[in-house]
N, C-alpha and C. Protein backbone atom coordinates (compact mmCIF):
# COMPACT_ATOMS: atom_id res chain seq x y z
N MET A 1 46.48 -65.38 -18.60
CA MET A 1 47.83 -65.54 -19.14
C MET A 1 48.15 -64.43 -20.15
N ILE A 2 47.13 -63.91 -20.83
CA ILE A 2 47.36 -62.84 -21.80
C ILE A 2 47.93 -61.61 -21.13
N TRP A 3 47.38 -61.25 -19.94
CA TRP A 3 47.90 -60.07 -19.25
C TRP A 3 49.34 -60.30 -18.80
N TRP A 4 49.68 -61.55 -18.42
CA TRP A 4 51.06 -61.85 -18.03
C TRP A 4 51.98 -61.67 -19.24
N TYR A 5 51.57 -62.18 -20.39
CA TYR A 5 52.34 -62.07 -21.63
C TYR A 5 52.58 -60.60 -21.98
N LYS A 6 51.53 -59.80 -21.88
CA LYS A 6 51.67 -58.38 -22.18
C LYS A 6 52.46 -57.66 -21.11
N GLY A 7 52.24 -58.02 -19.85
CA GLY A 7 52.94 -57.37 -18.74
C GLY A 7 54.44 -57.63 -18.77
N ARG A 8 54.82 -58.82 -19.14
CA ARG A 8 56.25 -59.15 -19.20
C ARG A 8 56.89 -58.64 -20.48
N ARG A 9 56.07 -58.12 -21.39
CA ARG A 9 56.54 -57.50 -22.63
C ARG A 9 57.37 -58.47 -23.48
N LEU A 10 56.85 -59.66 -23.65
CA LEU A 10 57.58 -60.69 -24.39
C LEU A 10 57.81 -60.30 -25.84
N THR A 11 56.81 -59.75 -26.48
CA THR A 11 56.96 -59.37 -27.89
C THR A 11 57.83 -58.14 -28.05
N ALA A 12 57.74 -57.20 -27.11
CA ALA A 12 58.47 -55.94 -27.24
C ALA A 12 59.90 -56.01 -26.72
N VAL A 13 60.18 -56.93 -25.80
CA VAL A 13 61.51 -56.96 -25.16
C VAL A 13 62.25 -58.27 -25.42
N VAL A 14 61.66 -59.39 -25.05
CA VAL A 14 62.37 -60.67 -25.10
C VAL A 14 62.62 -61.13 -26.53
N LEU A 15 61.61 -61.09 -27.37
CA LEU A 15 61.78 -61.55 -28.75
C LEU A 15 62.82 -60.74 -29.52
N PRO A 16 62.79 -59.38 -29.46
CA PRO A 16 63.86 -58.63 -30.13
C PRO A 16 65.25 -58.93 -29.55
N GLY A 17 65.32 -59.17 -28.24
CA GLY A 17 66.60 -59.52 -27.64
C GLY A 17 67.14 -60.83 -28.18
N LEU A 18 66.27 -61.82 -28.31
CA LEU A 18 66.70 -63.10 -28.88
C LEU A 18 67.13 -62.96 -30.33
N LEU A 19 66.39 -62.17 -31.09
CA LEU A 19 66.76 -61.95 -32.49
C LEU A 19 68.10 -61.23 -32.60
N ALA A 20 68.33 -60.24 -31.73
CA ALA A 20 69.62 -59.53 -31.74
C ALA A 20 70.76 -60.47 -31.37
N PHE A 21 70.52 -61.35 -30.38
CA PHE A 21 71.53 -62.33 -29.99
C PHE A 21 71.88 -63.24 -31.17
N ALA A 22 70.85 -63.77 -31.84
CA ALA A 22 71.08 -64.69 -32.96
C ALA A 22 71.79 -63.98 -34.11
N LEU A 23 71.37 -62.76 -34.41
CA LEU A 23 72.00 -62.01 -35.51
C LEU A 23 73.46 -61.72 -35.22
N LEU A 24 73.74 -61.27 -33.99
CA LEU A 24 75.12 -60.96 -33.62
C LEU A 24 75.98 -62.23 -33.61
N ALA A 25 75.41 -63.33 -33.13
CA ALA A 25 76.14 -64.60 -33.13
C ALA A 25 76.45 -65.05 -34.55
N ALA A 26 75.52 -64.84 -35.46
CA ALA A 26 75.72 -65.26 -36.85
C ALA A 26 76.75 -64.39 -37.56
N VAL A 27 76.75 -63.10 -37.26
CA VAL A 27 77.61 -62.16 -37.98
C VAL A 27 79.02 -62.08 -37.40
N ALA A 28 79.13 -62.11 -36.09
CA ALA A 28 80.41 -61.80 -35.45
C ALA A 28 80.95 -62.93 -34.58
N HIS A 29 80.66 -64.19 -34.95
CA HIS A 29 81.07 -65.31 -34.10
C HIS A 29 82.58 -65.50 -34.03
N GLY A 30 83.35 -64.93 -34.92
CA GLY A 30 84.80 -65.10 -34.87
C GLY A 30 85.57 -63.86 -34.51
N GLU A 31 84.86 -62.76 -34.23
CA GLU A 31 85.53 -61.48 -33.96
C GLU A 31 86.04 -61.43 -32.52
N SER A 32 87.23 -60.85 -32.36
CA SER A 32 87.81 -60.72 -31.02
C SER A 32 88.64 -59.45 -30.93
N VAL A 33 88.90 -59.05 -29.69
CA VAL A 33 89.80 -57.93 -29.43
C VAL A 33 90.77 -58.35 -28.34
N ALA A 34 91.96 -57.79 -28.38
CA ALA A 34 92.95 -58.05 -27.33
C ALA A 34 92.86 -56.93 -26.31
N LEU A 35 92.63 -57.30 -25.06
CA LEU A 35 92.55 -56.33 -23.97
C LEU A 35 93.80 -56.42 -23.12
N PRO A 36 94.20 -55.34 -22.48
CA PRO A 36 95.35 -55.42 -21.59
C PRO A 36 95.03 -56.26 -20.37
N GLY A 37 96.00 -57.04 -19.93
CA GLY A 37 95.82 -57.82 -18.71
C GLY A 37 96.14 -56.99 -17.48
N LEU A 38 95.31 -57.09 -16.47
CA LEU A 38 95.55 -56.33 -15.24
C LEU A 38 96.46 -57.06 -14.27
N ILE A 39 96.56 -58.38 -14.43
CA ILE A 39 97.40 -59.15 -13.50
C ILE A 39 98.65 -59.65 -14.20
N GLY A 40 98.48 -60.31 -15.35
CA GLY A 40 99.63 -60.86 -16.05
C GLY A 40 100.30 -59.83 -16.95
N THR A 41 101.38 -60.24 -17.57
CA THR A 41 102.11 -59.34 -18.45
C THR A 41 101.56 -59.32 -19.86
N GLY A 42 100.85 -60.40 -20.25
CA GLY A 42 100.31 -60.47 -21.61
C GLY A 42 98.94 -59.84 -21.71
N GLY A 43 98.39 -59.89 -22.91
CA GLY A 43 97.05 -59.38 -23.14
C GLY A 43 96.02 -60.47 -22.95
N ASN A 44 94.77 -60.09 -22.94
CA ASN A 44 93.66 -61.02 -22.82
C ASN A 44 92.84 -60.95 -24.09
N LEU A 45 92.42 -62.12 -24.57
CA LEU A 45 91.63 -62.19 -25.79
C LEU A 45 90.16 -62.24 -25.42
N LEU A 46 89.38 -61.28 -25.90
CA LEU A 46 87.95 -61.22 -25.63
C LEU A 46 87.19 -61.34 -26.95
N PHE A 47 86.48 -62.45 -27.11
CA PHE A 47 85.64 -62.63 -28.28
C PHE A 47 84.32 -61.90 -28.06
N LEU A 48 83.76 -61.40 -29.13
CA LEU A 48 82.46 -60.74 -29.06
C LEU A 48 81.40 -61.70 -28.53
N MET A 49 81.60 -62.97 -28.76
CA MET A 49 80.66 -63.97 -28.27
C MET A 49 80.64 -64.06 -26.74
N HIS A 50 81.67 -63.55 -26.08
CA HIS A 50 81.67 -63.51 -24.61
C HIS A 50 80.73 -62.43 -24.09
N ILE A 51 80.41 -61.46 -24.94
CA ILE A 51 79.55 -60.34 -24.53
C ILE A 51 78.11 -60.54 -24.98
N THR A 52 77.87 -61.25 -26.08
CA THR A 52 76.52 -61.39 -26.62
C THR A 52 75.51 -62.01 -25.65
N PRO A 53 75.88 -62.91 -24.74
CA PRO A 53 74.86 -63.39 -23.79
C PRO A 53 74.26 -62.28 -22.92
N LEU A 54 74.96 -61.16 -22.80
CA LEU A 54 74.42 -60.05 -22.01
C LEU A 54 73.15 -59.48 -22.64
N ILE A 55 72.98 -59.66 -23.93
CA ILE A 55 71.73 -59.25 -24.58
C ILE A 55 70.57 -60.06 -24.01
N VAL A 56 70.79 -61.36 -23.88
CA VAL A 56 69.74 -62.24 -23.35
C VAL A 56 69.48 -61.96 -21.88
N THR A 57 70.56 -61.85 -21.08
CA THR A 57 70.35 -61.63 -19.65
C THR A 57 69.72 -60.27 -19.38
N GLY A 58 70.11 -59.26 -20.15
CA GLY A 58 69.54 -57.93 -19.94
C GLY A 58 68.06 -57.86 -20.29
N THR A 59 67.69 -58.43 -21.45
CA THR A 59 66.28 -58.39 -21.84
C THR A 59 65.43 -59.26 -20.92
N LEU A 60 65.95 -60.41 -20.51
CA LEU A 60 65.20 -61.28 -19.61
C LEU A 60 65.03 -60.64 -18.24
N ALA A 61 66.09 -60.01 -17.73
CA ALA A 61 65.99 -59.32 -16.43
C ALA A 61 64.96 -58.20 -16.50
N HIS A 62 64.96 -57.46 -17.60
CA HIS A 62 63.98 -56.38 -17.75
C HIS A 62 62.56 -56.94 -17.82
N SER A 63 62.38 -58.01 -18.57
CA SER A 63 61.06 -58.62 -18.70
C SER A 63 60.55 -59.13 -17.35
N LEU A 64 61.41 -59.81 -16.60
CA LEU A 64 60.99 -60.36 -15.31
C LEU A 64 60.71 -59.27 -14.28
N ALA A 65 61.28 -58.10 -14.46
CA ALA A 65 61.08 -57.00 -13.52
C ALA A 65 59.74 -56.29 -13.74
N GLN A 66 59.10 -56.53 -14.88
CA GLN A 66 57.82 -55.88 -15.17
C GLN A 66 56.74 -56.51 -14.30
N ARG A 67 55.92 -55.66 -13.68
CA ARG A 67 54.90 -56.14 -12.77
C ARG A 67 53.54 -55.52 -13.07
N LEU A 68 52.50 -56.30 -12.83
CA LEU A 68 51.13 -55.81 -12.85
C LEU A 68 50.54 -56.13 -11.47
N PRO A 69 50.75 -55.24 -10.50
CA PRO A 69 50.39 -55.56 -9.10
C PRO A 69 48.94 -55.96 -8.91
N GLU A 70 48.01 -55.30 -9.60
CA GLU A 70 46.60 -55.60 -9.40
C GLU A 70 46.25 -57.03 -9.81
N ALA A 71 46.95 -57.58 -10.77
CA ALA A 71 46.69 -58.96 -11.20
C ALA A 71 47.60 -59.95 -10.48
N GLU A 72 48.82 -59.55 -10.17
CA GLU A 72 49.80 -60.48 -9.61
C GLU A 72 49.64 -60.70 -8.11
N ASP A 73 48.88 -59.85 -7.45
CA ASP A 73 48.69 -60.04 -6.02
C ASP A 73 47.72 -61.17 -5.71
N LEU A 74 46.98 -61.63 -6.71
CA LEU A 74 46.08 -62.76 -6.51
C LEU A 74 46.91 -64.04 -6.45
N THR A 75 46.66 -64.86 -5.44
CA THR A 75 47.49 -66.05 -5.23
C THR A 75 47.05 -67.24 -6.07
N VAL A 76 45.94 -67.11 -6.81
CA VAL A 76 45.44 -68.26 -7.56
C VAL A 76 46.22 -68.50 -8.85
N ARG A 77 47.01 -67.55 -9.28
CA ARG A 77 47.75 -67.70 -10.54
C ARG A 77 49.17 -68.21 -10.26
N PRO A 78 49.64 -69.16 -11.05
CA PRO A 78 51.00 -69.70 -10.84
C PRO A 78 52.06 -68.83 -11.51
N LEU A 79 52.17 -67.57 -11.10
CA LEU A 79 53.09 -66.64 -11.75
C LEU A 79 54.55 -67.09 -11.69
N PRO A 80 55.03 -67.59 -10.56
CA PRO A 80 56.43 -68.04 -10.55
C PRO A 80 56.71 -69.12 -11.59
N LEU A 81 55.74 -70.00 -11.83
CA LEU A 81 55.94 -71.03 -12.85
C LEU A 81 55.97 -70.42 -14.25
N TYR A 82 55.15 -69.41 -14.50
CA TYR A 82 55.20 -68.71 -15.78
C TYR A 82 56.57 -68.07 -15.98
N ASP A 83 57.08 -67.44 -14.92
CA ASP A 83 58.38 -66.78 -15.03
C ASP A 83 59.51 -67.79 -15.25
N VAL A 84 59.42 -68.93 -14.57
CA VAL A 84 60.42 -69.99 -14.79
C VAL A 84 60.34 -70.49 -16.22
N ALA A 85 59.12 -70.68 -16.72
CA ALA A 85 58.95 -71.12 -18.12
C ALA A 85 59.51 -70.08 -19.08
N LEU A 86 59.32 -68.80 -18.77
CA LEU A 86 59.87 -67.73 -19.62
C LEU A 86 61.39 -67.80 -19.64
N ALA A 87 62.01 -67.92 -18.47
CA ALA A 87 63.47 -68.00 -18.40
C ALA A 87 63.99 -69.24 -19.13
N LEU A 88 63.34 -70.36 -18.90
CA LEU A 88 63.76 -71.61 -19.54
C LEU A 88 63.60 -71.54 -21.05
N GLY A 89 62.47 -71.01 -21.52
CA GLY A 89 62.24 -70.89 -22.96
C GLY A 89 63.19 -69.92 -23.63
N THR A 90 63.47 -68.81 -22.95
CA THR A 90 64.39 -67.81 -23.53
C THR A 90 65.79 -68.38 -23.68
N VAL A 91 66.27 -69.05 -22.64
CA VAL A 91 67.62 -69.62 -22.69
C VAL A 91 67.67 -70.78 -23.68
N ALA A 92 66.61 -71.57 -23.74
CA ALA A 92 66.57 -72.67 -24.72
C ALA A 92 66.63 -72.13 -26.14
N ALA A 93 65.92 -71.04 -26.40
CA ALA A 93 65.95 -70.44 -27.74
C ALA A 93 67.34 -69.90 -28.06
N ALA A 94 67.96 -69.21 -27.10
CA ALA A 94 69.31 -68.67 -27.32
C ALA A 94 70.32 -69.80 -27.52
N LEU A 95 70.21 -70.83 -26.71
CA LEU A 95 71.12 -71.97 -26.82
C LEU A 95 70.95 -72.67 -28.16
N SER A 96 69.70 -72.83 -28.61
CA SER A 96 69.45 -73.45 -29.92
C SER A 96 70.04 -72.62 -31.05
N ALA A 97 69.88 -71.31 -30.96
CA ALA A 97 70.45 -70.44 -31.99
C ALA A 97 71.97 -70.54 -32.01
N ALA A 98 72.59 -70.54 -30.83
CA ALA A 98 74.04 -70.62 -30.75
C ALA A 98 74.57 -71.95 -31.29
N VAL A 99 73.89 -73.05 -30.95
CA VAL A 99 74.32 -74.37 -31.42
C VAL A 99 74.14 -74.47 -32.93
N THR A 100 73.04 -73.96 -33.43
CA THR A 100 72.81 -73.99 -34.89
C THR A 100 73.87 -73.19 -35.63
N ILE A 101 74.15 -71.99 -35.14
CA ILE A 101 75.18 -71.15 -35.77
C ILE A 101 76.55 -71.80 -35.65
N GLY A 102 76.83 -72.37 -34.47
CA GLY A 102 78.10 -73.06 -34.28
C GLY A 102 78.28 -74.21 -35.24
N ALA A 103 77.21 -74.97 -35.49
CA ALA A 103 77.29 -76.11 -36.39
C ALA A 103 77.42 -75.65 -37.85
N LEU A 104 76.64 -74.66 -38.24
CA LEU A 104 76.67 -74.20 -39.64
C LEU A 104 77.97 -73.48 -39.98
N ALA A 105 78.49 -72.69 -39.02
CA ALA A 105 79.70 -71.91 -39.30
C ALA A 105 80.96 -72.57 -38.77
N ASP A 106 80.82 -73.75 -38.16
CA ASP A 106 81.95 -74.43 -37.54
C ASP A 106 82.70 -73.49 -36.60
N SER A 107 81.93 -72.87 -35.69
CA SER A 107 82.47 -71.85 -34.80
C SER A 107 82.37 -72.30 -33.34
N SER A 108 83.51 -72.49 -32.71
CA SER A 108 83.50 -72.87 -31.30
C SER A 108 83.04 -71.71 -30.42
N THR A 109 83.30 -70.47 -30.85
CA THR A 109 82.88 -69.33 -30.04
C THR A 109 81.36 -69.19 -30.01
N ALA A 110 80.67 -69.63 -31.05
CA ALA A 110 79.20 -69.61 -31.02
C ALA A 110 78.69 -70.61 -29.98
N TYR A 111 79.33 -71.78 -29.90
CA TYR A 111 78.98 -72.74 -28.85
C TYR A 111 79.23 -72.15 -27.47
N GLU A 112 80.35 -71.44 -27.34
CA GLU A 112 80.66 -70.80 -26.06
C GLU A 112 79.60 -69.78 -25.68
N ALA A 113 79.08 -69.06 -26.66
CA ALA A 113 78.02 -68.07 -26.38
C ALA A 113 76.79 -68.76 -25.81
N GLY A 114 76.44 -69.91 -26.34
CA GLY A 114 75.30 -70.66 -25.79
C GLY A 114 75.56 -71.13 -24.38
N ARG A 115 76.72 -71.72 -24.16
CA ARG A 115 77.05 -72.18 -22.81
C ARG A 115 77.11 -71.03 -21.82
N ASN A 116 77.70 -69.92 -22.25
CA ASN A 116 77.82 -68.75 -21.37
C ASN A 116 76.46 -68.13 -21.07
N THR A 117 75.51 -68.26 -22.00
CA THR A 117 74.16 -67.78 -21.74
C THR A 117 73.54 -68.56 -20.59
N LEU A 118 73.79 -69.87 -20.54
CA LEU A 118 73.33 -70.67 -19.40
C LEU A 118 73.88 -70.11 -18.09
N PHE A 119 75.19 -69.94 -18.05
CA PHE A 119 75.83 -69.49 -16.80
C PHE A 119 75.39 -68.09 -16.41
N LEU A 120 75.45 -67.15 -17.35
CA LEU A 120 75.15 -65.76 -17.02
C LEU A 120 73.68 -65.54 -16.69
N THR A 121 72.79 -66.31 -17.31
CA THR A 121 71.38 -66.21 -16.94
C THR A 121 71.16 -66.77 -15.54
N GLY A 122 71.80 -67.88 -15.23
CA GLY A 122 71.71 -68.41 -13.87
C GLY A 122 72.25 -67.42 -12.85
N LEU A 123 73.37 -66.80 -13.17
CA LEU A 123 73.95 -65.79 -12.29
C LEU A 123 73.00 -64.61 -12.12
N MET A 124 72.37 -64.18 -13.21
CA MET A 124 71.40 -63.08 -13.16
C MET A 124 70.23 -63.42 -12.26
N LEU A 125 69.71 -64.64 -12.39
CA LEU A 125 68.56 -65.04 -11.58
C LEU A 125 68.93 -65.17 -10.11
N LEU A 126 70.12 -65.68 -9.83
CA LEU A 126 70.56 -65.78 -8.43
C LEU A 126 70.77 -64.40 -7.82
N ALA A 127 71.39 -63.50 -8.59
CA ALA A 127 71.60 -62.14 -8.09
C ALA A 127 70.28 -61.42 -7.91
N GLY A 128 69.32 -61.64 -8.82
CA GLY A 128 68.01 -61.02 -8.70
C GLY A 128 67.24 -61.50 -7.49
N ALA A 129 67.52 -62.73 -7.04
CA ALA A 129 66.87 -63.24 -5.83
C ALA A 129 67.39 -62.51 -4.59
N VAL A 130 68.63 -62.04 -4.65
CA VAL A 130 69.22 -61.29 -3.53
C VAL A 130 68.75 -59.85 -3.55
N HIS A 131 68.84 -59.21 -4.71
CA HIS A 131 68.40 -57.82 -4.87
C HIS A 131 68.01 -57.61 -6.32
N PRO A 132 66.81 -57.07 -6.58
CA PRO A 132 66.34 -56.95 -7.97
C PRO A 132 67.28 -56.18 -8.88
N GLN A 133 67.92 -55.13 -8.38
CA GLN A 133 68.80 -54.35 -9.25
C GLN A 133 70.11 -55.06 -9.54
N ALA A 134 70.46 -56.05 -8.74
CA ALA A 134 71.70 -56.80 -8.99
C ALA A 134 71.55 -57.74 -10.18
N ALA A 135 70.31 -58.01 -10.59
CA ALA A 135 70.09 -58.96 -11.68
C ALA A 135 70.77 -58.52 -12.98
N THR A 136 70.73 -57.25 -13.28
CA THR A 136 71.36 -56.77 -14.51
C THR A 136 72.85 -56.57 -14.35
N VAL A 137 73.26 -56.16 -13.16
CA VAL A 137 74.66 -55.81 -12.92
C VAL A 137 75.56 -57.04 -12.85
N ALA A 138 75.11 -58.10 -12.21
CA ALA A 138 75.97 -59.27 -11.95
C ALA A 138 76.55 -59.89 -13.22
N PRO A 139 75.76 -60.19 -14.26
CA PRO A 139 76.37 -60.78 -15.47
C PRO A 139 77.36 -59.84 -16.16
N VAL A 140 77.03 -58.55 -16.20
CA VAL A 140 77.93 -57.58 -16.84
C VAL A 140 79.24 -57.51 -16.07
N ALA A 141 79.15 -57.45 -14.75
CA ALA A 141 80.36 -57.41 -13.92
C ALA A 141 81.19 -58.66 -14.13
N TRP A 142 80.53 -59.83 -14.18
CA TRP A 142 81.27 -61.08 -14.37
C TRP A 142 82.04 -61.07 -15.70
N VAL A 143 81.37 -60.67 -16.76
CA VAL A 143 82.01 -60.70 -18.09
C VAL A 143 83.25 -59.82 -18.11
N PHE A 144 83.15 -58.62 -17.55
CA PHE A 144 84.29 -57.70 -17.63
C PHE A 144 85.38 -58.02 -16.62
N ILE A 145 85.02 -58.55 -15.46
CA ILE A 145 86.06 -59.01 -14.52
C ILE A 145 86.82 -60.18 -15.15
N ALA A 146 86.09 -61.12 -15.74
CA ALA A 146 86.75 -62.25 -16.39
C ALA A 146 87.62 -61.79 -17.55
N ALA A 147 87.14 -60.78 -18.30
CA ALA A 147 87.91 -60.31 -19.45
C ALA A 147 89.24 -59.69 -19.03
N PHE A 148 89.26 -58.99 -17.91
CA PHE A 148 90.48 -58.28 -17.51
C PHE A 148 91.38 -59.09 -16.58
N VAL A 149 90.82 -59.95 -15.74
CA VAL A 149 91.68 -60.69 -14.80
C VAL A 149 91.44 -62.20 -14.86
N GLY A 150 90.76 -62.66 -15.90
CA GLY A 150 90.42 -64.08 -15.99
C GLY A 150 91.45 -64.97 -16.62
N TYR A 151 92.54 -64.40 -17.13
CA TYR A 151 93.57 -65.21 -17.80
C TYR A 151 94.85 -65.28 -16.97
N ARG A 152 95.41 -66.47 -16.90
CA ARG A 152 96.76 -66.61 -16.31
C ARG A 152 97.78 -66.01 -17.26
N ASP A 153 97.64 -66.34 -18.51
CA ASP A 153 98.41 -65.73 -19.59
C ASP A 153 97.55 -65.85 -20.84
N PHE A 154 98.06 -65.38 -21.96
CA PHE A 154 97.26 -65.35 -23.19
C PHE A 154 96.73 -66.74 -23.52
N HIS A 155 95.42 -66.87 -23.68
CA HIS A 155 94.73 -68.12 -24.03
C HIS A 155 94.62 -69.13 -22.89
N ARG A 156 95.02 -68.80 -21.68
CA ARG A 156 94.91 -69.75 -20.56
C ARG A 156 94.10 -69.13 -19.42
N PRO A 157 92.75 -69.34 -19.43
CA PRO A 157 91.93 -68.75 -18.37
C PRO A 157 92.08 -69.50 -17.05
N TRP A 158 91.82 -68.78 -15.97
CA TRP A 158 91.79 -69.39 -14.64
C TRP A 158 90.58 -70.31 -14.55
N PRO A 159 90.60 -71.29 -13.65
CA PRO A 159 89.43 -72.19 -13.52
C PRO A 159 88.13 -71.47 -13.17
N TRP A 160 88.20 -70.40 -12.39
CA TRP A 160 86.97 -69.68 -12.01
C TRP A 160 86.35 -68.90 -13.17
N ALA A 161 87.12 -68.58 -14.19
CA ALA A 161 86.64 -67.77 -15.31
C ALA A 161 85.95 -68.67 -16.34
N VAL A 162 84.84 -69.26 -15.96
CA VAL A 162 84.19 -70.29 -16.79
C VAL A 162 83.72 -69.76 -18.14
N THR A 163 83.42 -68.49 -18.25
CA THR A 163 82.95 -67.95 -19.52
C THR A 163 84.07 -67.86 -20.56
N LEU A 164 85.31 -68.04 -20.14
CA LEU A 164 86.45 -67.99 -21.07
C LEU A 164 86.96 -69.37 -21.46
N HIS A 165 86.41 -70.42 -20.86
CA HIS A 165 86.87 -71.78 -21.13
C HIS A 165 86.48 -72.21 -22.55
N PRO A 166 87.25 -73.15 -23.12
CA PRO A 166 86.91 -73.65 -24.46
C PRO A 166 85.53 -74.30 -24.49
N ALA A 167 84.91 -74.31 -25.65
CA ALA A 167 83.53 -74.79 -25.78
C ALA A 167 83.36 -76.26 -25.45
N GLY A 168 84.33 -77.08 -25.75
CA GLY A 168 84.17 -78.52 -25.59
C GLY A 168 84.50 -79.06 -24.21
N TYR A 169 84.76 -78.21 -23.25
CA TYR A 169 85.17 -78.68 -21.92
C TYR A 169 83.93 -79.03 -21.10
N LEU A 170 83.65 -80.33 -20.93
CA LEU A 170 82.42 -80.81 -20.31
C LEU A 170 82.22 -80.35 -18.87
N PRO A 171 83.25 -80.37 -17.99
CA PRO A 171 83.02 -79.89 -16.62
C PRO A 171 82.52 -78.45 -16.56
N THR A 172 83.00 -77.60 -17.45
CA THR A 172 82.53 -76.21 -17.48
C THR A 172 81.08 -76.15 -17.91
N PHE A 173 80.70 -76.93 -18.93
CA PHE A 173 79.30 -76.95 -19.35
C PHE A 173 78.40 -77.42 -18.22
N LEU A 174 78.79 -78.48 -17.53
CA LEU A 174 77.98 -79.00 -16.43
C LEU A 174 77.86 -77.99 -15.30
N PHE A 175 78.95 -77.27 -15.02
CA PHE A 175 78.89 -76.22 -13.99
C PHE A 175 77.94 -75.11 -14.41
N CYS A 176 78.02 -74.68 -15.67
CA CYS A 176 77.13 -73.62 -16.17
C CYS A 176 75.68 -74.06 -16.13
N LEU A 177 75.42 -75.31 -16.47
CA LEU A 177 74.06 -75.85 -16.41
C LEU A 177 73.56 -75.87 -14.96
N ALA A 178 74.45 -76.26 -14.02
CA ALA A 178 74.06 -76.29 -12.61
C ALA A 178 73.73 -74.89 -12.10
N VAL A 179 74.52 -73.89 -12.49
CA VAL A 179 74.24 -72.51 -12.07
C VAL A 179 72.90 -72.06 -12.64
N PHE A 180 72.61 -72.41 -13.88
CA PHE A 180 71.33 -72.04 -14.49
C PHE A 180 70.17 -72.70 -13.75
N LEU A 181 70.29 -73.97 -13.44
CA LEU A 181 69.21 -74.67 -12.72
C LEU A 181 69.01 -74.08 -11.32
N CYS A 182 70.10 -73.72 -10.65
CA CYS A 182 69.99 -73.06 -9.35
C CYS A 182 69.29 -71.71 -9.50
N GLY A 183 69.57 -71.01 -10.58
CA GLY A 183 68.90 -69.74 -10.85
C GLY A 183 67.41 -69.92 -11.06
N LEU A 184 67.01 -71.00 -11.76
CA LEU A 184 65.59 -71.28 -11.94
C LEU A 184 64.90 -71.57 -10.62
N VAL A 185 65.57 -72.31 -9.76
CA VAL A 185 65.02 -72.59 -8.42
C VAL A 185 64.86 -71.29 -7.64
N ALA A 186 65.88 -70.44 -7.70
CA ALA A 186 65.81 -69.15 -7.00
C ALA A 186 64.67 -68.30 -7.55
N LEU A 187 64.49 -68.29 -8.87
CA LEU A 187 63.40 -67.53 -9.48
C LEU A 187 62.05 -68.07 -9.03
N ARG A 188 61.93 -69.36 -8.94
CA ARG A 188 60.68 -69.99 -8.52
C ARG A 188 60.29 -69.57 -7.11
N HIS A 189 61.28 -69.35 -6.25
CA HIS A 189 61.01 -69.06 -4.84
C HIS A 189 61.19 -67.59 -4.47
N THR A 190 61.43 -66.75 -5.46
CA THR A 190 61.63 -65.32 -5.18
C THR A 190 60.30 -64.59 -5.31
N ARG A 191 59.94 -63.86 -4.27
CA ARG A 191 58.75 -63.03 -4.33
C ARG A 191 59.20 -61.64 -4.77
N ARG A 192 58.76 -61.24 -5.94
CA ARG A 192 59.19 -59.96 -6.51
C ARG A 192 58.23 -58.87 -6.14
N ARG A 193 58.80 -57.69 -5.94
CA ARG A 193 57.99 -56.52 -5.63
C ARG A 193 57.60 -55.83 -6.94
N PRO A 194 56.48 -55.16 -6.94
CA PRO A 194 56.09 -54.42 -8.15
C PRO A 194 57.08 -53.33 -8.45
N THR A 195 57.27 -53.05 -9.74
CA THR A 195 58.14 -51.95 -10.14
C THR A 195 57.39 -50.65 -9.95
N SER A 196 58.13 -49.58 -9.64
CA SER A 196 57.45 -48.31 -9.41
C SER A 196 57.50 -47.43 -10.64
């Protein structure tokens, strides 16, 4: 297990990513910018908290892509379970940080960052099961597509733009949780190739 820990670069990649996520959530949970709308006539409001989950998805995707072929080719080790535990633990830590910051700062956008981390990590894992390089691209593409075309008008996101929905909307949370769980299943059954 020590070689897996070192191979996945948990201390060098995942832990700093989680710390950066928590720090950014604590400092900039209320910051937003108005972006031009590509479909409607009004602008779109993008909170920094809509982008911060990309720190978690990016570092986790990089960590999961690290391979030690000489050790991982042995079938006696439960590597997929280790990777699932890594993804679950990383998202649980990010979600805990977001909920704590949301409670202490009374910030709904911090709660949204936690919920969006569930969805975007699930999306990353599902995309990675299709093609390894899609794992990093899919969450980034989702965030920016939603930012530019996800609103019907100012403050009213389309139903498909789940990362823009208010924090307290239970159906969106349940959908994001379902996508994350599907991503974990996909990760469990994905045979990854060694990185070159």
